[in-house]
Amino acid sequence: MREMVQAIKDVLLHEWDPIGVCDEPKASDEYDAYIGPLMKSAKRDVNAVSDLLLIIERSRMGLPGDQDRATRVAESIIAVVRRLATIQS
């Protein structure tokens, strides 16, 4: 479980990062609150994850949202969850 959380955190910081904090060590936990809900969405499908990412960008961050980035990141999160779930079973 800890490995999955860290892997999703890495995806959020290095692939998503809508506010540009990946190079700021003090902000390494900036997206941690979203990991749990994203893990739950990842059990559904890519659309659920990308929709959640867009909701976060728009309602929590006040950004316009980037559909292409949200879809790419959702695919990465789904891949991580599936890969690690297979390893952990």
N, C-alpha and C. Protein backbone atom coordinates (compact mmCIF):
# COMPACT_ATOMS: atom_id res chain seq x y z
N MET A 1 0.83 -1.19 0.00
CA MET A 1 0.00 0.00 0.00
C MET A 1 0.87 1.26 0.00
N ARG A 2 1.90 1.26 0.83
CA ARG A 2 2.76 2.43 0.91
C ARG A 2 3.46 2.69 -0.43
N GLU A 3 3.82 1.60 -1.10
CA GLU A 3 4.46 1.73 -2.41
C GLU A 3 3.50 2.35 -3.43
N MET A 4 2.23 1.98 -3.36
CA MET A 4 1.23 2.54 -4.28
C MET A 4 1.02 4.03 -4.01
N VAL A 5 0.93 4.38 -2.74
CA VAL A 5 0.77 5.79 -2.37
C VAL A 5 1.94 6.60 -2.90
N GLN A 6 3.16 6.10 -2.70
CA GLN A 6 4.34 6.82 -3.17
C GLN A 6 4.36 6.92 -4.70
N ALA A 7 3.98 5.86 -5.37
CA ALA A 7 3.97 5.88 -6.83
C ALA A 7 2.97 6.90 -7.36
N ILE A 8 1.79 6.98 -6.75
CA ILE A 8 0.79 7.96 -7.18
C ILE A 8 1.28 9.37 -6.86
N LYS A 9 1.88 9.53 -5.71
CA LYS A 9 2.45 10.83 -5.34
C LYS A 9 3.47 11.28 -6.38
N ASP A 10 4.31 10.37 -6.82
CA ASP A 10 5.31 10.69 -7.84
C ASP A 10 4.65 11.11 -9.16
N VAL A 11 3.59 10.42 -9.54
CA VAL A 11 2.87 10.78 -10.76
C VAL A 11 2.28 12.19 -10.62
N LEU A 12 1.68 12.45 -9.48
CA LEU A 12 1.06 13.76 -9.27
C LEU A 12 2.11 14.88 -9.31
N LEU A 13 3.24 14.65 -8.68
CA LEU A 13 4.28 15.69 -8.65
C LEU A 13 5.00 15.87 -9.97
N HIS A 14 5.22 14.79 -10.70
CA HIS A 14 6.07 14.89 -11.88
C HIS A 14 5.33 14.87 -13.21
N GLU A 15 4.09 14.39 -13.22
CA GLU A 15 3.33 14.37 -14.47
C GLU A 15 2.15 15.34 -14.45
N TRP A 16 1.56 15.52 -13.30
CA TRP A 16 0.37 16.39 -13.21
C TRP A 16 0.79 17.79 -12.81
N ASP A 17 1.14 18.04 -11.58
CA ASP A 17 1.70 19.27 -11.04
C ASP A 17 1.13 20.56 -11.64
N PRO A 18 -0.18 20.78 -11.53
CA PRO A 18 -0.79 21.96 -12.16
C PRO A 18 -0.34 23.30 -11.57
N ILE A 19 0.19 23.28 -10.34
CA ILE A 19 0.64 24.56 -9.76
C ILE A 19 2.17 24.69 -9.73
N GLY A 20 2.87 23.73 -10.31
CA GLY A 20 4.32 23.83 -10.49
C GLY A 20 5.15 23.79 -9.22
N VAL A 21 4.90 22.80 -8.37
CA VAL A 21 5.65 22.70 -7.12
C VAL A 21 6.67 21.56 -7.09
N CYS A 22 6.82 20.83 -8.18
CA CYS A 22 7.65 19.63 -8.15
C CYS A 22 9.11 19.90 -7.78
N ASP A 23 9.61 21.09 -8.05
CA ASP A 23 11.00 21.40 -7.73
C ASP A 23 11.17 22.05 -6.37
N GLU A 24 10.11 22.15 -5.62
CA GLU A 24 10.15 22.78 -4.29
C GLU A 24 10.04 21.70 -3.22
N PRO A 25 11.16 21.32 -2.60
CA PRO A 25 11.14 20.23 -1.61
C PRO A 25 10.13 20.43 -0.47
N LYS A 26 9.91 21.66 -0.04
CA LYS A 26 8.97 21.91 1.05
C LYS A 26 7.52 21.67 0.64
N ALA A 27 7.27 21.56 -0.65
CA ALA A 27 5.90 21.35 -1.14
C ALA A 27 5.69 19.92 -1.64
N SER A 28 6.57 19.01 -1.25
CA SER A 28 6.46 17.64 -1.75
C SER A 28 5.18 16.94 -1.32
N ASP A 29 4.50 17.47 -0.31
CA ASP A 29 3.25 16.87 0.15
C ASP A 29 2.01 17.62 -0.35
N GLU A 30 2.21 18.52 -1.27
CA GLU A 30 1.13 19.41 -1.75
C GLU A 30 -0.10 18.65 -2.24
N TYR A 31 0.10 17.53 -2.90
CA TYR A 31 -1.02 16.80 -3.50
C TYR A 31 -1.42 15.55 -2.73
N ASP A 32 -0.83 15.34 -1.56
CA ASP A 32 -1.08 14.12 -0.80
C ASP A 32 -2.56 13.90 -0.46
N ALA A 33 -3.30 14.95 -0.21
CA ALA A 33 -4.71 14.82 0.16
C ALA A 33 -5.55 14.21 -0.96
N TYR A 34 -5.05 14.24 -2.17
CA TYR A 34 -5.80 13.73 -3.32
C TYR A 34 -5.52 12.26 -3.61
N ILE A 35 -4.50 11.69 -2.99
CA ILE A 35 -4.08 10.33 -3.31
C ILE A 35 -5.19 9.31 -2.99
N GLY A 36 -5.77 9.37 -1.82
CA GLY A 36 -6.83 8.42 -1.45
C GLY A 36 -8.01 8.44 -2.41
N PRO A 37 -8.59 9.62 -2.65
CA PRO A 37 -9.71 9.67 -3.60
C PRO A 37 -9.31 9.20 -5.01
N LEU A 38 -8.09 9.49 -5.43
CA LEU A 38 -7.65 9.05 -6.75
C LEU A 38 -7.49 7.53 -6.79
N MET A 39 -7.02 6.94 -5.71
CA MET A 39 -6.91 5.48 -5.65
C MET A 39 -8.28 4.83 -5.77
N LYS A 40 -9.27 5.42 -5.10
CA LYS A 40 -10.64 4.89 -5.19
C LYS A 40 -11.18 5.04 -6.61
N SER A 41 -10.95 6.19 -7.23
CA SER A 41 -11.41 6.41 -8.60
C SER A 41 -10.73 5.48 -9.57
N ALA A 42 -9.47 5.15 -9.28
CA ALA A 42 -8.71 4.27 -10.18
C ALA A 42 -9.29 2.87 -10.25
N LYS A 43 -10.09 2.50 -9.28
CA LYS A 43 -10.75 1.19 -9.31
C LYS A 43 -11.86 1.17 -10.34
N ARG A 44 -12.29 2.35 -10.77
CA ARG A 44 -13.37 2.45 -11.75
C ARG A 44 -12.79 2.49 -13.16
N ASP A 45 -12.36 3.67 -13.61
CA ASP A 45 -11.80 3.76 -14.96
C ASP A 45 -11.05 5.09 -15.14
N VAL A 46 -10.45 5.24 -16.31
CA VAL A 46 -9.66 6.43 -16.62
C VAL A 46 -10.51 7.69 -16.55
N ASN A 47 -11.74 7.61 -17.03
CA ASN A 47 -12.61 8.79 -17.00
C ASN A 47 -12.88 9.27 -15.57
N ALA A 48 -13.07 8.34 -14.65
CA ALA A 48 -13.33 8.72 -13.26
C ALA A 48 -12.12 9.46 -12.68
N VAL A 49 -10.93 8.97 -12.99
CA VAL A 49 -9.71 9.60 -12.48
C VAL A 49 -9.50 10.97 -13.13
N SER A 50 -9.64 11.04 -14.44
CA SER A 50 -9.42 12.33 -15.12
C SER A 50 -10.47 13.36 -14.70
N ASP A 51 -11.71 12.91 -14.51
CA ASP A 51 -12.75 13.83 -14.04
C ASP A 51 -12.40 14.37 -12.65
N LEU A 52 -11.92 13.51 -11.78
CA LEU A 52 -11.54 13.96 -10.44
C LEU A 52 -10.37 14.94 -10.50
N LEU A 53 -9.39 14.66 -11.33
CA LEU A 53 -8.26 15.59 -11.48
C LEU A 53 -8.75 16.96 -11.96
N LEU A 54 -9.67 16.97 -12.89
CA LEU A 54 -10.21 18.24 -13.39
C LEU A 54 -11.02 18.98 -12.32
N ILE A 55 -11.77 18.24 -11.54
CA ILE A 55 -12.52 18.86 -10.44
C ILE A 55 -11.56 19.51 -9.46
N ILE A 56 -10.49 18.81 -9.14
CA ILE A 56 -9.50 19.36 -8.21
C ILE A 56 -8.89 20.63 -8.79
N GLU A 57 -8.48 20.56 -10.06
CA GLU A 57 -7.87 21.74 -10.70
C GLU A 57 -8.83 22.93 -10.70
N ARG A 58 -10.06 22.67 -11.04
CA ARG A 58 -11.02 23.76 -11.21
C ARG A 58 -11.59 24.27 -9.89
N SER A 59 -12.06 23.37 -9.04
CA SER A 59 -12.76 23.84 -7.83
C SER A 59 -11.82 24.10 -6.66
N ARG A 60 -10.77 23.33 -6.53
CA ARG A 60 -9.87 23.52 -5.39
C ARG A 60 -8.74 24.48 -5.68
N MET A 61 -8.29 24.50 -6.94
CA MET A 61 -7.13 25.32 -7.29
C MET A 61 -7.49 26.57 -8.08
N GLY A 62 -8.72 26.64 -8.54
CA GLY A 62 -9.15 27.81 -9.31
C GLY A 62 -8.49 27.92 -10.67
N LEU A 63 -8.09 26.79 -11.23
CA LEU A 63 -7.46 26.75 -12.54
C LEU A 63 -8.48 26.34 -13.59
N PRO A 64 -8.19 26.61 -14.87
CA PRO A 64 -9.14 26.23 -15.92
C PRO A 64 -9.22 24.72 -16.14
N GLY A 65 -8.19 23.99 -15.77
CA GLY A 65 -8.17 22.55 -15.99
C GLY A 65 -7.61 22.22 -17.36
N ASP A 66 -6.88 21.14 -17.43
CA ASP A 66 -6.25 20.72 -18.67
C ASP A 66 -6.69 19.28 -18.95
N GLN A 67 -7.66 19.12 -19.84
CA GLN A 67 -8.23 17.81 -20.13
C GLN A 67 -7.19 16.82 -20.64
N ASP A 68 -6.33 17.25 -21.54
CA ASP A 68 -5.31 16.33 -22.09
C ASP A 68 -4.37 15.84 -21.00
N ARG A 69 -3.90 16.77 -20.16
CA ARG A 69 -3.01 16.37 -19.08
C ARG A 69 -3.75 15.46 -18.10
N ALA A 70 -4.98 15.79 -17.77
CA ALA A 70 -5.75 14.97 -16.84
C ALA A 70 -5.91 13.55 -17.37
N THR A 71 -6.14 13.40 -18.64
CA THR A 71 -6.29 12.07 -19.23
C THR A 71 -4.97 11.30 -19.19
N ARG A 72 -3.88 11.97 -19.56
CA ARG A 72 -2.55 11.31 -19.50
C ARG A 72 -2.21 10.86 -18.09
N VAL A 73 -2.44 11.75 -17.13
CA VAL A 73 -2.12 11.44 -15.74
C VAL A 73 -3.04 10.33 -15.22
N ALA A 74 -4.30 10.37 -15.59
CA ALA A 74 -5.24 9.31 -15.20
C ALA A 74 -4.76 7.96 -15.71
N GLU A 75 -4.31 7.92 -16.94
CA GLU A 75 -3.79 6.67 -17.50
C GLU A 75 -2.57 6.19 -16.72
N SER A 76 -1.71 7.11 -16.32
CA SER A 76 -0.53 6.74 -15.54
C SER A 76 -0.94 6.21 -14.17
N ILE A 77 -1.89 6.86 -13.54
CA ILE A 77 -2.35 6.41 -12.22
C ILE A 77 -2.99 5.04 -12.31
N ILE A 78 -3.83 4.83 -13.30
CA ILE A 78 -4.46 3.52 -13.49
C ILE A 78 -3.39 2.45 -13.71
N ALA A 79 -2.40 2.74 -14.51
CA ALA A 79 -1.32 1.78 -14.77
C ALA A 79 -0.56 1.43 -13.50
N VAL A 80 -0.26 2.44 -12.69
CA VAL A 80 0.44 2.22 -11.43
C VAL A 80 -0.39 1.36 -10.49
N VAL A 81 -1.66 1.71 -10.34
CA VAL A 81 -2.54 0.96 -9.44
C VAL A 81 -2.66 -0.49 -9.89
N ARG A 82 -2.86 -0.71 -11.17
CA ARG A 82 -3.00 -2.08 -11.67
C ARG A 82 -1.71 -2.87 -11.50
N ARG A 83 -0.58 -2.24 -11.83
CA ARG A 83 0.71 -2.93 -11.73
C ARG A 83 0.99 -3.32 -10.27
N LEU A 84 0.83 -2.38 -9.38
CA LEU A 84 1.13 -2.66 -7.97
C LEU A 84 0.11 -3.56 -7.32
N ALA A 85 -1.15 -3.49 -7.75
CA ALA A 85 -2.17 -4.40 -7.21
C ALA A 85 -1.84 -5.83 -7.61
N THR A 86 -1.34 -6.02 -8.83
CA THR A 86 -0.96 -7.35 -9.29
C THR A 86 0.21 -7.88 -8.50
N ILE A 87 1.19 -7.02 -8.25
CA ILE A 87 2.37 -7.42 -7.50
C ILE A 87 2.01 -7.76 -6.05
N GLN A 88 1.12 -6.99 -5.46
CA GLN A 88 0.77 -7.16 -4.05
C GLN A 88 -0.21 -8.30 -3.81
N SER A 89 -0.83 -8.84 -4.87
CA SER A 89 -1.79 -9.93 -4.65
C SER A 89 -1.11 -11.27 -4.56
